[in-house]
Amino acid sequence: MQVEAGVWPRSRPYVVGHRGACGYRPDHTMASYQLAVDMGADFIECDVVLTKDLVPVCRHEPLLSDTTDADAKVRTFPSLIKTNTIDGYNYTGVFANDLTLAELKTLRARQPLPERDQSFNGLYPVPTLEEYIALAKAAPRTVGIYPETKHPTWHDSLPIVKAAQTTMSDIVLDVLEKHGYKGPVNSKAWSRQPAFIQSFEVGNLKYLSRKTCIPLVQLMDDFTAAIPDMPTKTYSDLMTDAAMKDIATYASGVGPWKNTLTANGAGLESTGLVERIHKYGMQLHPYTFRDEAYRLTYGSFSTPWDEYELFFDKMGIDGAFTDSADTLKTF
């Protein structure tokens, strides 16, 4: 893929810096986002959660224990070690929604994967959604943003959100609109400040589609995983032809787990999902491409570029979430 710096819309697939450049820096930090920009990412991705004072911040989950030093600072927050049930799973630790922004800013990020560089742990604070946007807008070329509303149904059930008579979707959308993000995909307004809003839920995307023209992306997990706001259904129910037709009424793209695109077997044949997504005119941005050798064994790929060849050249995906924007940029 050849770089077309500053040219939008792209005639080549998008490089989406997953949590920034989290193959090299702790997830969702300004250092990670900046490195992804420096490496040539077209978009930088931010998972959004809310603080106690309803400030949207960039963390992979509301649970802070896995990606910050919150537990090490337990003496500061002794009463805030809690267990929450989120989308059917129990999590114990310190949660963003129990800390004000000022309290959250005392924490420092850490690399959650032990096989990756741990030398940057303890250096970087948790950025806000607005700080992340400011970094993208300050880039020397056009860099898009790709925020995800994390667990919007769970967030909306919190007393602090209910008391404010708002929703997580509205809070995130208000920030994006404040900073000038607007317009359908590939429009002139969108091309000046590209953005996608993504979610694993269906209801909040349909809600957002009635409030904004900013393009939306329906994320999908494994075939058997339950849809968070439709717990009696699994993502396989969203992968049918009829479901794709419905998704196309509210979303501009689909972001599936990459393994759902390939059938078992040495040939790694298409499951048909790529074809159904493209049939209804939607973009396809699968996740997550990672460089470590053990992550490539499922397809017996010798290098990350071999994996990219399958997905980009043979399957025709329109972009990809990657932990290593520099690797994908050189494909």
C-alpha atoms as a PDB file:
ATOM      1  CA  MET A   1       0.000   0.000   0.000  1.00  0.00           C
ATOM      2  CA  GLN A   2       1.378   3.413  -0.922  1.00  0.00           C
ATOM      3  CA  VAL A   3       0.954   6.346   1.448  1.00  0.00           C
ATOM      4  CA  GLU A   4      -1.235   9.205   0.217  1.00  0.00           C
ATOM      5  CA  ALA A   5      -0.565  11.718   2.961  1.00  0.00           C
ATOM      6  CA  GLY A   6      -3.331  14.276   3.331  1.00  0.00           C
ATOM      7  CA  VAL A   7      -5.454  12.864   0.501  1.00  0.00           C
ATOM      8  CA  TRP A   8      -9.006  11.955   1.493  1.00  0.00           C
ATOM      9  CA  PRO A   9     -10.958   9.887   0.796  1.00  0.00           C
ATOM     10  CA  ARG A  10      -8.372   7.159   0.451  1.00  0.00           C
ATOM     11  CA  SER A  11      -8.065   5.004  -2.663  1.00  0.00           C
ATOM     12  CA  ARG A  12      -6.230   2.450  -0.540  1.00  0.00           C
ATOM     13  CA  PRO A  13      -7.317   0.573   2.604  1.00  0.00           C
ATOM     14  CA  TYR A  14      -7.182   2.295   5.979  1.00  0.00           C
ATOM     15  CA  VAL A  15      -4.500   1.679   8.583  1.00  0.00           C
ATOM     16  CA  VAL A  16      -6.262   1.946  11.957  1.00  0.00           C
ATOM     17  CA  GLY A  17      -3.906   2.308  14.919  1.00  0.00           C
ATOM     18  CA  HIS A  18      -5.546  -0.024  17.441  1.00  0.00           C
ATOM     19  CA  ARG A  19      -5.405   1.731  20.828  1.00  0.00           C
ATOM     20  CA  GLY A  20      -2.718   3.829  19.148  1.00  0.00           C
ATOM     21  CA  ALA A  21       0.490   1.876  18.621  1.00  0.00           C
ATOM     22  CA  CYS A  22      -0.089  -0.517  21.504  1.00  0.00           C
ATOM     23  CA  GLY A  23       2.426  -2.999  20.172  1.00  0.00           C
ATOM     24  CA  TYR A  24       5.073  -0.548  21.383  1.00  0.00           C
ATOM     25  CA  ARG A  25       3.523   1.670  24.078  1.00  0.00           C
ATOM     26  CA  PRO A  26       0.873   1.166  26.780  1.00  0.00           C
ATOM     27  CA  ASP A  27      -2.666   1.119  25.369  1.00  0.00           C
ATOM     28  CA  HIS A  28      -4.634   4.313  24.998  1.00  0.00           C
ATOM     29  CA  THR A  29      -1.966   6.808  25.998  1.00  0.00           C
ATOM     30  CA  MET A  30      -0.981   9.992  24.229  1.00  0.00           C
ATOM     31  CA  ALA A  31       2.413   8.413  23.562  1.00  0.00           C
ATOM     32  CA  SER A  32       0.738   5.430  21.916  1.00  0.00           C
ATOM     33  CA  TYR A  33      -1.535   7.612  19.782  1.00  0.00           C
ATOM     34  CA  GLN A  34       1.339   9.884  18.753  1.00  0.00           C
ATOM     35  CA  LEU A  35       3.516   6.951  17.776  1.00  0.00           C
ATOM     36  CA  ALA A  36       0.721   5.559  15.604  1.00  0.00           C
ATOM     37  CA  VAL A  37       0.442   8.935  13.873  1.00  0.00           C
ATOM     38  CA  ASP A  38       4.202   9.038  13.380  1.00  0.00           C
ATOM     39  CA  MET A  39       4.069   5.542  11.898  1.00  0.00           C
ATOM     40  CA  GLY A  40       1.527   6.653   9.300  1.00  0.00           C
ATOM     41  CA  ALA A  41      -1.811   5.469  10.687  1.00  0.00           C
ATOM     42  CA  ASP A  42      -4.839   6.868   8.870  1.00  0.00           C
ATOM     43  CA  PHE A  43      -6.968   6.564  12.013  1.00  0.00           C
ATOM     44  CA  ILE A  44      -6.193   6.238  15.703  1.00  0.00           C
ATOM     45  CA  GLU A  45      -8.673   4.232  17.745  1.00  0.00           C
ATOM     46  CA  CYS A  46      -9.942   5.129  21.211  1.00  0.00           C
ATOM     47  CA  ASP A  47     -12.131   3.012  23.492  1.00  0.00           C
ATOM     48  CA  VAL A  48     -14.277   5.395  25.535  1.00  0.00           C
ATOM     49  CA  VAL A  49     -15.414   4.954  29.140  1.00  0.00           C
ATOM     50  CA  LEU A  50     -16.843   7.499  31.591  1.00  0.00           C
ATOM     51  CA  THR A  51     -15.518   8.914  34.847  1.00  0.00           C
ATOM     52  CA  LYS A  52     -17.564   9.664  37.948  1.00  0.00           C
ATOM     53  CA  ASP A  53     -17.998  13.235  36.729  1.00  0.00           C
ATOM     54  CA  LEU A  54     -19.057  11.946  33.280  1.00  0.00           C
ATOM     55  CA  VAL A  55     -15.896  12.899  31.432  1.00  0.00           C
ATOM     56  CA  PRO A  56     -15.250  10.531  28.504  1.00  0.00           C
ATOM     57  CA  VAL A  57     -11.741   9.088  28.744  1.00  0.00           C
ATOM     58  CA  CYS A  58      -9.680   6.592  26.777  1.00  0.00           C
ATOM     59  CA  ARG A  59      -9.464   3.144  28.362  1.00  0.00           C
ATOM     60  CA  HIS A  60     -10.053  -0.341  26.981  1.00  0.00           C
ATOM     61  CA  GLU A  61     -12.497  -1.137  29.777  1.00  0.00           C
ATOM     62  CA  PRO A  62     -14.164   0.619  32.732  1.00  0.00           C
ATOM     63  CA  LEU A  63     -11.968  -1.642  34.883  1.00  0.00           C
ATOM     64  CA  LEU A  64      -8.691   0.211  35.360  1.00  0.00           C
ATOM     65  CA  SER A  65      -6.796  -2.533  37.140  1.00  0.00           C
ATOM     66  CA  ASP A  66      -5.498  -4.275  34.025  1.00  0.00           C
ATOM     67  CA  THR A  67      -4.120  -1.222  32.239  1.00  0.00           C
ATOM     68  CA  THR A  68      -3.086   1.197  35.013  1.00  0.00           C
ATOM     69  CA  ASP A  69      -1.425   1.182  38.428  1.00  0.00           C
ATOM     70  CA  ALA A  70      -4.797   1.606  40.172  1.00  0.00           C
ATOM     71  CA  ASP A  71      -4.379  -1.540  42.268  1.00  0.00           C
ATOM     72  CA  ALA A  72      -0.879  -0.500  43.330  1.00  0.00           C
ATOM     73  CA  LYS A  73      -2.425   2.719  44.597  1.00  0.00           C
ATOM     74  CA  VAL A  74      -5.144   0.853  46.470  1.00  0.00           C
ATOM     75  CA  ARG A  75      -4.390   2.829  49.647  1.00  0.00           C
ATOM     76  CA  THR A  76      -5.596   5.895  47.808  1.00  0.00           C
ATOM     77  CA  PHE A  77      -8.833   4.181  46.791  1.00  0.00           C
ATOM     78  CA  PRO A  78      -9.463   1.528  49.507  1.00  0.00           C
ATOM     79  CA  SER A  79     -13.239   1.708  49.279  1.00  0.00           C
ATOM     80  CA  LEU A  80     -13.255   1.617  45.500  1.00  0.00           C
ATOM     81  CA  ILE A  81     -12.237  -2.007  44.984  1.00  0.00           C
ATOM     82  CA  LYS A  82     -15.524  -3.353  43.710  1.00  0.00           C
ATOM     83  CA  THR A  83     -17.025  -6.135  41.660  1.00  0.00           C
ATOM     84  CA  ASN A  84     -19.199  -5.166  38.730  1.00  0.00           C
ATOM     85  CA  THR A  85     -21.085  -7.371  36.312  1.00  0.00           C
ATOM     86  CA  ILE A  86     -20.639  -6.021  32.807  1.00  0.00           C
ATOM     87  CA  ASP A  87     -22.284  -7.776  29.879  1.00  0.00           C
ATOM     88  CA  GLY A  88     -22.569 -10.974  31.899  1.00  0.00           C
ATOM     89  CA  TYR A  89     -18.981 -11.086  33.194  1.00  0.00           C
ATOM     90  CA  ASN A  90     -17.770 -10.241  36.701  1.00  0.00           C
ATOM     91  CA  TYR A  91     -14.834  -7.851  37.093  1.00  0.00           C
ATOM     92  CA  THR A  92     -13.132  -6.835  40.349  1.00  0.00           C
ATOM     93  CA  GLY A  93     -10.907  -3.811  40.859  1.00  0.00           C
ATOM     94  CA  VAL A  94     -11.009  -0.045  40.503  1.00  0.00           C
ATOM     95  CA  PHE A  95     -13.424   1.321  37.903  1.00  0.00           C
ATOM     96  CA  ALA A  96     -13.282   4.577  35.981  1.00  0.00           C
ATOM     97  CA  ASN A  97     -16.863   5.473  36.864  1.00  0.00           C
ATOM     98  CA  ASP A  98     -15.930   5.553  40.569  1.00  0.00           C
ATOM     99  CA  LEU A  99     -13.146   8.122  40.071  1.00  0.00           C
ATOM    100  CA  THR A 100     -13.375  11.775  39.149  1.00  0.00           C
ATOM    101  CA  LEU A 101     -11.201  12.940  36.287  1.00  0.00           C
ATOM    102  CA  ALA A 102      -8.829  14.552  38.797  1.00  0.00           C
ATOM    103  CA  GLU A 103      -8.476  11.251  40.645  1.00  0.00           C
ATOM    104  CA  LEU A 104      -8.069   9.305  37.407  1.00  0.00           C
ATOM    105  CA  LYS A 105      -5.261  11.618  36.333  1.00  0.00           C
ATOM    106  CA  THR A 106      -3.180  10.449  39.314  1.00  0.00           C
ATOM    107  CA  LEU A 107      -2.961   6.977  37.739  1.00  0.00           C
ATOM    108  CA  ARG A 108      -0.376   5.874  35.212  1.00  0.00           C
ATOM    109  CA  ALA A 109      -0.838   3.438  32.372  1.00  0.00           C
ATOM    110  CA  ARG A 110       0.898   0.099  32.044  1.00  0.00           C
ATOM    111  CA  GLN A 111       1.329  -2.461  29.277  1.00  0.00           C
ATOM    112  CA  PRO A 112      -1.171  -5.276  29.931  1.00  0.00           C
ATOM    113  CA  LEU A 113       0.557  -7.910  27.764  1.00  0.00           C
ATOM    114  CA  PRO A 114       3.625  -9.421  29.456  1.00  0.00           C
ATOM    115  CA  GLU A 115       5.344 -10.284  26.173  1.00  0.00           C
ATOM    116  CA  ARG A 116       5.470  -6.615  25.190  1.00  0.00           C
ATOM    117  CA  ASP A 117       7.838  -3.855  26.302  1.00  0.00           C
ATOM    118  CA  GLN A 118       7.215  -3.033  29.966  1.00  0.00           C
ATOM    119  CA  SER A 119       9.738  -0.187  30.172  1.00  0.00           C
ATOM    120  CA  PHE A 120       7.103   2.508  29.581  1.00  0.00           C
ATOM    121  CA  ASN A 121       4.922   1.472  32.519  1.00  0.00           C
ATOM    122  CA  GLY A 122       4.174   4.228  34.996  1.00  0.00           C
ATOM    123  CA  LEU A 123       4.989   7.107  32.650  1.00  0.00           C
ATOM    124  CA  TYR A 124       1.739   8.163  31.037  1.00  0.00           C
ATOM    125  CA  PRO A 125      -1.595   9.397  32.438  1.00  0.00           C
ATOM    126  CA  VAL A 126      -4.981   8.399  31.079  1.00  0.00           C
ATOM    127  CA  PRO A 127      -6.045  10.818  28.330  1.00  0.00           C
ATOM    128  CA  THR A 128      -9.494  12.275  27.885  1.00  0.00           C
ATOM    129  CA  LEU A 129     -11.457  11.927  24.670  1.00  0.00           C
ATOM    130  CA  GLU A 130     -10.838  15.619  24.017  1.00  0.00           C
ATOM    131  CA  GLU A 131      -7.081  15.267  24.493  1.00  0.00           C
ATOM    132  CA  TYR A 132      -7.062  12.369  22.035  1.00  0.00           C
ATOM    133  CA  ILE A 133      -9.029  14.440  19.510  1.00  0.00           C
ATOM    134  CA  ALA A 134      -6.648  17.377  19.942  1.00  0.00           C
ATOM    135  CA  LEU A 135      -3.696  15.114  19.131  1.00  0.00           C
ATOM    136  CA  ALA A 136      -5.357  13.879  15.925  1.00  0.00           C
ATOM    137  CA  LYS A 137      -6.261  17.417  14.841  1.00  0.00           C
ATOM    138  CA  ALA A 138      -2.718  18.650  15.533  1.00  0.00           C
ATOM    139  CA  ALA A 139      -1.139  16.059  13.237  1.00  0.00           C
ATOM    140  CA  PRO A 140       0.778  17.446  10.210  1.00  0.00           C
ATOM    141  CA  ARG A 141      -1.552  15.517   7.914  1.00  0.00           C
ATOM    142  CA  THR A 142      -5.173  14.402   8.059  1.00  0.00           C
ATOM    143  CA  VAL A 143      -5.588  11.756  10.764  1.00  0.00           C
ATOM    144  CA  GLY A 144      -9.010  10.334  11.522  1.00  0.00           C
ATOM    145  CA  ILE A 145     -10.458   9.304  14.868  1.00  0.00           C
ATOM    146  CA  TYR A 146     -12.214   6.012  15.555  1.00  0.00           C
ATOM    147  CA  PRO A 147     -13.829   6.075  19.030  1.00  0.00           C
ATOM    148  CA  GLU A 148     -15.699   3.090  20.443  1.00  0.00           C
ATOM    149  CA  THR A 149     -18.526   3.455  22.929  1.00  0.00           C
ATOM    150  CA  LYS A 150     -17.616   0.757  25.457  1.00  0.00           C
ATOM    151  CA  HIS A 151     -20.524  -1.024  27.128  1.00  0.00           C
ATOM    152  CA  PRO A 152     -23.066   1.751  26.473  1.00  0.00           C
ATOM    153  CA  THR A 153     -26.006  -0.167  27.990  1.00  0.00           C
ATOM    154  CA  TRP A 154     -24.042  -0.773  31.193  1.00  0.00           C
ATOM    155  CA  HIS A 155     -22.883   2.851  31.327  1.00  0.00           C
ATOM    156  CA  ASP A 156     -26.430   4.080  30.769  1.00  0.00           C
ATOM    157  CA  SER A 157     -27.609   1.974  33.732  1.00  0.00           C
ATOM    158  CA  LEU A 158     -25.292   3.796  36.152  1.00  0.00           C
ATOM    159  CA  PRO A 159     -27.024   6.151  38.614  1.00  0.00           C
ATOM    160  CA  ILE A 160     -24.643   8.991  37.678  1.00  0.00           C
ATOM    161  CA  VAL A 161     -25.670   8.780  34.020  1.00  0.00           C
ATOM    162  CA  LYS A 162     -29.359   8.430  34.823  1.00  0.00           C
ATOM    163  CA  ALA A 163     -29.186  11.415  37.182  1.00  0.00           C
ATOM    164  CA  ALA A 164     -27.729  13.521  34.389  1.00  0.00           C
ATOM    165  CA  GLN A 165     -30.597  12.453  32.100  1.00  0.00           C
ATOM    166  CA  THR A 166     -28.221  11.592  29.306  1.00  0.00           C
ATOM    167  CA  THR A 167     -26.626   8.586  27.650  1.00  0.00           C
ATOM    168  CA  MET A 168     -23.079   7.539  26.921  1.00  0.00           C
ATOM    169  CA  SER A 169     -23.825   7.869  23.213  1.00  0.00           C
ATOM    170  CA  ASP A 170     -24.935  11.467  23.666  1.00  0.00           C
ATOM    171  CA  ILE A 171     -21.890  12.348  25.762  1.00  0.00           C
ATOM    172  CA  VAL A 172     -19.495  11.001  23.120  1.00  0.00           C
ATOM    173  CA  LEU A 173     -21.431  12.530  20.231  1.00  0.00           C
ATOM    174  CA  ASP A 174     -21.521  15.945  21.935  1.00  0.00           C
ATOM    175  CA  VAL A 175     -17.713  15.953  22.180  1.00  0.00           C
ATOM    176  CA  LEU A 176     -17.267  14.960  18.531  1.00  0.00           C
ATOM    177  CA  GLU A 177     -19.715  17.599  17.314  1.00  0.00           C
ATOM    178  CA  LYS A 178     -18.063  20.229  19.537  1.00  0.00           C
ATOM    179  CA  HIS A 179     -14.824  19.562  17.649  1.00  0.00           C
ATOM    180  CA  GLY A 180     -16.379  19.740  14.203  1.00  0.00           C
ATOM    181  CA  TYR A 181     -16.805  16.081  13.269  1.00  0.00           C
ATOM    182  CA  LYS A 182     -19.717  15.663  10.893  1.00  0.00           C
ATOM    183  CA  GLY A 183     -20.872  14.376   7.558  1.00  0.00           C
ATOM    184  CA  PRO A 184     -21.374  10.958   5.968  1.00  0.00           C
ATOM    185  CA  VAL A 185     -18.393   8.872   4.935  1.00  0.00           C
ATOM    186  CA  ASN A 186     -16.337  10.335   2.065  1.00  0.00           C
ATOM    187  CA  SER A 187     -18.264  13.632   2.081  1.00  0.00           C
ATOM    188  CA  LYS A 188     -16.224  16.846   1.954  1.00  0.00           C
ATOM    189  CA  ALA A 189     -16.932  17.578   5.623  1.00  0.00           C
ATOM    190  CA  TRP A 190     -15.992  14.049   6.659  1.00  0.00           C
ATOM    191  CA  SER A 191     -12.818  14.047   4.566  1.00  0.00           C
ATOM    192  CA  ARG A 192     -11.579  17.187   6.343  1.00  0.00           C
ATOM    193  CA  GLN A 193     -11.976  15.489   9.741  1.00  0.00           C
ATOM    194  CA  PRO A 194     -12.600  11.760   9.247  1.00  0.00           C
ATOM    195  CA  ALA A 195     -14.317   9.827  12.019  1.00  0.00           C
ATOM    196  CA  PHE A 196     -16.060   6.532  12.610  1.00  0.00           C
ATOM    197  CA  ILE A 197     -18.015   5.657  15.767  1.00  0.00           C
ATOM    198  CA  GLN A 198     -18.006   1.961  16.610  1.00  0.00           C
ATOM    199  CA  SER A 199     -19.845  -0.282  19.032  1.00  0.00           C
ATOM    200  CA  PHE A 200     -20.369  -3.963  19.781  1.00  0.00           C
ATOM    201  CA  GLU A 201     -23.980  -3.111  20.615  1.00  0.00           C
ATOM    202  CA  VAL A 202     -26.813  -2.630  18.161  1.00  0.00           C
ATOM    203  CA  GLY A 203     -29.228  -0.365  20.004  1.00  0.00           C
ATOM    204  CA  ASN A 204     -26.883   2.550  20.595  1.00  0.00           C
ATOM    205  CA  LEU A 205     -25.741   2.540  16.963  1.00  0.00           C
ATOM    206  CA  LYS A 206     -29.346   2.695  15.788  1.00  0.00           C
ATOM    207  CA  TYR A 207     -29.907   5.526  18.265  1.00  0.00           C
ATOM    208  CA  LEU A 208     -26.842   7.389  16.990  1.00  0.00           C
ATOM    209  CA  SER A 209     -27.916   6.892  13.373  1.00  0.00           C
ATOM    210  CA  ARG A 210     -30.998   9.000  14.130  1.00  0.00           C
ATOM    211  CA  LYS A 211     -28.874  11.805  15.602  1.00  0.00           C
ATOM    212  CA  THR A 212     -25.789  12.085  13.390  1.00  0.00           C
ATOM    213  CA  CYS A 213     -24.414  11.539   9.906  1.00  0.00           C
ATOM    214  CA  ILE A 214     -21.009  10.538  11.294  1.00  0.00           C
ATOM    215  CA  PRO A 215     -20.474   7.026   9.905  1.00  0.00           C
ATOM    216  CA  LEU A 216     -21.063   4.162  12.304  1.00  0.00           C
ATOM    217  CA  VAL A 217     -19.396   0.760  12.434  1.00  0.00           C
ATOM    218  CA  GLN A 218     -21.055  -2.362  13.796  1.00  0.00           C
ATOM    219  CA  LEU A 219     -18.451  -4.387  15.652  1.00  0.00           C
ATOM    220  CA  MET A 220     -18.837  -8.172  15.849  1.00  0.00           C
ATOM    221  CA  ASP A 221     -17.292 -10.750  18.133  1.00  0.00           C
ATOM    222  CA  ASP A 222     -16.980 -14.508  17.601  1.00  0.00           C
ATOM    223  CA  PHE A 223     -19.912 -16.444  16.155  1.00  0.00           C
ATOM    224  CA  THR A 224     -21.136 -17.766  19.514  1.00  0.00           C
ATOM    225  CA  ALA A 225     -20.572 -14.615  21.606  1.00  0.00           C
ATOM    226  CA  ALA A 226     -23.734 -12.993  22.928  1.00  0.00           C
ATOM    227  CA  ILE A 227     -24.637  -9.510  21.694  1.00  0.00           C
ATOM    228  CA  PRO A 228     -24.458  -7.338  24.855  1.00  0.00           C
ATOM    229  CA  ASP A 229     -27.773  -5.532  24.377  1.00  0.00           C
ATOM    230  CA  MET A 230     -29.456  -8.563  22.766  1.00  0.00           C
ATOM    231  CA  PRO A 231     -28.296 -11.346  25.126  1.00  0.00           C
ATOM    232  CA  THR A 232     -30.585 -14.002  23.651  1.00  0.00           C
ATOM    233  CA  LYS A 233     -28.850 -13.582  20.310  1.00  0.00           C
ATOM    234  CA  THR A 234     -25.267 -14.208  19.213  1.00  0.00           C
ATOM    235  CA  TYR A 235     -23.160 -12.431  16.625  1.00  0.00           C
ATOM    236  CA  SER A 236     -23.866 -15.235  14.164  1.00  0.00           C
ATOM    237  CA  ASP A 237     -27.400 -13.798  14.068  1.00  0.00           C
ATOM    238  CA  LEU A 238     -25.907 -10.519  12.815  1.00  0.00           C
ATOM    239  CA  MET A 239     -23.935 -12.240  10.070  1.00  0.00           C
ATOM    240  CA  THR A 240     -26.832 -13.465   7.928  1.00  0.00           C
ATOM    241  CA  ASP A 241     -27.792 -11.824   4.662  1.00  0.00           C
ATOM    242  CA  ALA A 242     -30.990 -10.422   6.183  1.00  0.00           C
ATOM    243  CA  ALA A 243     -29.085  -9.027   9.162  1.00  0.00           C
ATOM    244  CA  MET A 244     -26.506  -7.377   6.898  1.00  0.00           C
ATOM    245  CA  LYS A 245     -29.299  -5.701   4.987  1.00  0.00           C
ATOM    246  CA  ASP A 246     -30.598  -4.277   8.269  1.00  0.00           C
ATOM    247  CA  ILE A 247     -27.146  -3.191   9.482  1.00  0.00           C
ATOM    248  CA  ALA A 248     -26.699  -1.234   6.247  1.00  0.00           C
ATOM    249  CA  THR A 249     -29.688   0.931   7.236  1.00  0.00           C
ATOM    250  CA  TYR A 250     -27.811   2.385  10.220  1.00  0.00           C
ATOM    251  CA  ALA A 251     -24.084   1.680   9.713  1.00  0.00           C
ATOM    252  CA  SER A 252     -21.497   2.465   7.058  1.00  0.00           C
ATOM    253  CA  GLY A 253     -19.230  -0.399   7.997  1.00  0.00           C
ATOM    254  CA  VAL A 254     -18.694  -3.600   9.937  1.00  0.00           C
ATOM    255  CA  GLY A 255     -15.750  -4.445  12.179  1.00  0.00           C
ATOM    256  CA  PRO A 256     -15.688  -8.222  12.722  1.00  0.00           C
ATOM    257  CA  TRP A 257     -13.138 -10.358  14.508  1.00  0.00           C
ATOM    258  CA  LYS A 258     -10.843 -11.357  11.660  1.00  0.00           C
ATOM    259  CA  ASN A 259     -11.157 -15.083  12.438  1.00  0.00           C
ATOM    260  CA  THR A 260     -14.855 -14.994  11.522  1.00  0.00           C
ATOM    261  CA  LEU A 261     -13.888 -14.141   7.941  1.00  0.00           C
ATOM    262  CA  THR A 262     -12.022 -17.385   7.327  1.00  0.00           C
ATOM    263  CA  ALA A 263     -13.223 -20.975   7.463  1.00  0.00           C
ATOM    264  CA  ASN A 264     -11.179 -23.685   9.155  1.00  0.00           C
ATOM    265  CA  GLY A 265      -8.688 -25.498   7.032  1.00  0.00           C
ATOM    266  CA  ALA A 266      -5.349 -24.920   5.414  1.00  0.00           C
ATOM    267  CA  GLY A 267      -6.890 -22.944   2.579  1.00  0.00           C
ATOM    268  CA  LEU A 268      -8.440 -20.343   4.900  1.00  0.00           C
ATOM    269  CA  GLU A 269     -11.421 -19.986   2.593  1.00  0.00           C
ATOM    270  CA  SER A 270     -13.914 -17.171   3.085  1.00  0.00           C
ATOM    271  CA  THR A 271     -16.882 -17.835   5.340  1.00  0.00           C
ATOM    272  CA  GLY A 272     -18.935 -15.585   3.068  1.00  0.00           C
ATOM    273  CA  LEU A 273     -19.041 -12.742   5.580  1.00  0.00           C
ATOM    274  CA  VAL A 274     -16.778 -10.517   3.482  1.00  0.00           C
ATOM    275  CA  GLU A 275     -19.053 -10.946   0.507  1.00  0.00           C
ATOM    276  CA  ARG A 276     -22.239 -10.231   2.487  1.00  0.00           C
ATOM    277  CA  ILE A 277     -20.804  -7.060   4.010  1.00  0.00           C
ATOM    278  CA  HIS A 278     -19.701  -5.741   0.624  1.00  0.00           C
ATOM    279  CA  LYS A 279     -22.978  -6.799  -0.981  1.00  0.00           C
ATOM    280  CA  TYR A 280     -24.749  -4.090   0.996  1.00  0.00           C
ATOM    281  CA  GLY A 281     -22.159  -1.401   0.304  1.00  0.00           C
ATOM    282  CA  MET A 282     -20.516  -1.343   3.708  1.00  0.00           C
ATOM    283  CA  GLN A 283     -16.850  -1.015   4.514  1.00  0.00           C
ATOM    284  CA  LEU A 284     -15.057  -3.889   6.226  1.00  0.00           C
ATOM    285  CA  HIS A 285     -12.499  -3.159   8.974  1.00  0.00           C
ATOM    286  CA  PRO A 286     -11.615  -6.383  10.844  1.00  0.00           C
ATOM    287  CA  TYR A 287      -9.637  -6.570  14.100  1.00  0.00           C
ATOM    288  CA  THR A 288      -6.953  -7.129  15.381  1.00  0.00           C
ATOM    289  CA  PHE A 289      -3.731  -7.667  13.424  1.00  0.00           C
ATOM    290  CA  ARG A 290      -0.684  -8.280  15.609  1.00  0.00           C
ATOM    291  CA  ASP A 291       2.920  -9.017  14.747  1.00  0.00           C
ATOM    292  CA  GLU A 292       3.905 -11.613  17.348  1.00  0.00           C
ATOM    293  CA  ALA A 293       4.753 -14.946  15.739  1.00  0.00           C
ATOM    294  CA  TYR A 294       2.468 -16.972  17.997  1.00  0.00           C
ATOM    295  CA  ARG A 295      -0.507 -14.930  16.776  1.00  0.00           C
ATOM    296  CA  LEU A 296       0.175 -15.987  13.182  1.00  0.00           C
ATOM    297  CA  THR A 297       0.146 -19.733  13.724  1.00  0.00           C
ATOM    298  CA  TYR A 298      -3.606 -20.115  13.066  1.00  0.00           C
ATOM    299  CA  GLY A 299      -2.941 -19.591   9.370  1.00  0.00           C
ATOM    300  CA  SER A 300       0.623 -20.885   9.291  1.00  0.00           C
ATOM    301  CA  PHE A 301       1.726 -17.401   8.257  1.00  0.00           C
ATOM    302  CA  SER A 302       5.477 -16.870   8.193  1.00  0.00           C
ATOM    303  CA  THR A 303       5.233 -13.091   8.564  1.00  0.00           C
ATOM    304  CA  PRO A 304       2.561 -10.463   9.249  1.00  0.00           C
ATOM    305  CA  TRP A 305       2.734  -9.517   5.567  1.00  0.00           C
ATOM    306  CA  ASP A 306       1.622 -13.035   4.609  1.00  0.00           C
ATOM    307  CA  GLU A 307      -1.465 -12.529   6.765  1.00  0.00           C
ATOM    308  CA  TYR A 308      -2.094  -9.129   5.219  1.00  0.00           C
ATOM    309  CA  GLU A 309      -1.871 -10.651   1.759  1.00  0.00           C
ATOM    310  CA  LEU A 310      -4.737 -12.995   2.560  1.00  0.00           C
ATOM    311  CA  PHE A 311      -7.018 -10.351   4.009  1.00  0.00           C
ATOM    312  CA  PHE A 312      -6.229  -7.370   1.795  1.00  0.00           C
ATOM    313  CA  ASP A 313      -5.285  -8.873  -1.561  1.00  0.00           C
ATOM    314  CA  LYS A 314      -7.431 -12.016  -1.602  1.00  0.00           C
ATOM    315  CA  MET A 315     -10.410 -11.018   0.549  1.00  0.00           C
ATOM    316  CA  GLY A 316     -10.473  -7.329  -0.261  1.00  0.00           C
ATOM    317  CA  ILE A 317     -10.950  -5.799   3.187  1.00  0.00           C
ATOM    318  CA  ASP A 318     -11.155  -2.005   3.315  1.00  0.00           C
ATOM    319  CA  GLY A 319      -8.996  -1.366   6.369  1.00  0.00           C
ATOM    320  CA  ALA A 320      -7.750  -3.065   9.502  1.00  0.00           C
ATOM    321  CA  PHE A 321      -7.127  -2.507  13.186  1.00  0.00           C
ATOM    322  CA  THR A 322      -3.480  -3.184  13.941  1.00  0.00           C
ATOM    323  CA  ASP A 323      -1.253  -2.945  17.001  1.00  0.00           C
ATOM    324  CA  SER A 324       1.682  -2.174  14.669  1.00  0.00           C
ATOM    325  CA  ALA A 325       0.787   0.549  12.219  1.00  0.00           C
ATOM    326  CA  ASP A 326       4.325   0.601  10.894  1.00  0.00           C
ATOM    327  CA  THR A 327       4.104  -3.011   9.732  1.00  0.00           C
ATOM    328  CA  LEU A 328       0.802  -2.551   7.922  1.00  0.00           C
ATOM    329  CA  LYS A 329       1.942   0.723   6.387  1.00  0.00           C
ATOM    330  CA  THR A 330       4.796  -1.099   4.657  1.00  0.00           C
ATOM    331  CA  PHE A 331       2.543  -3.785   3.165  1.00  0.00           C
END
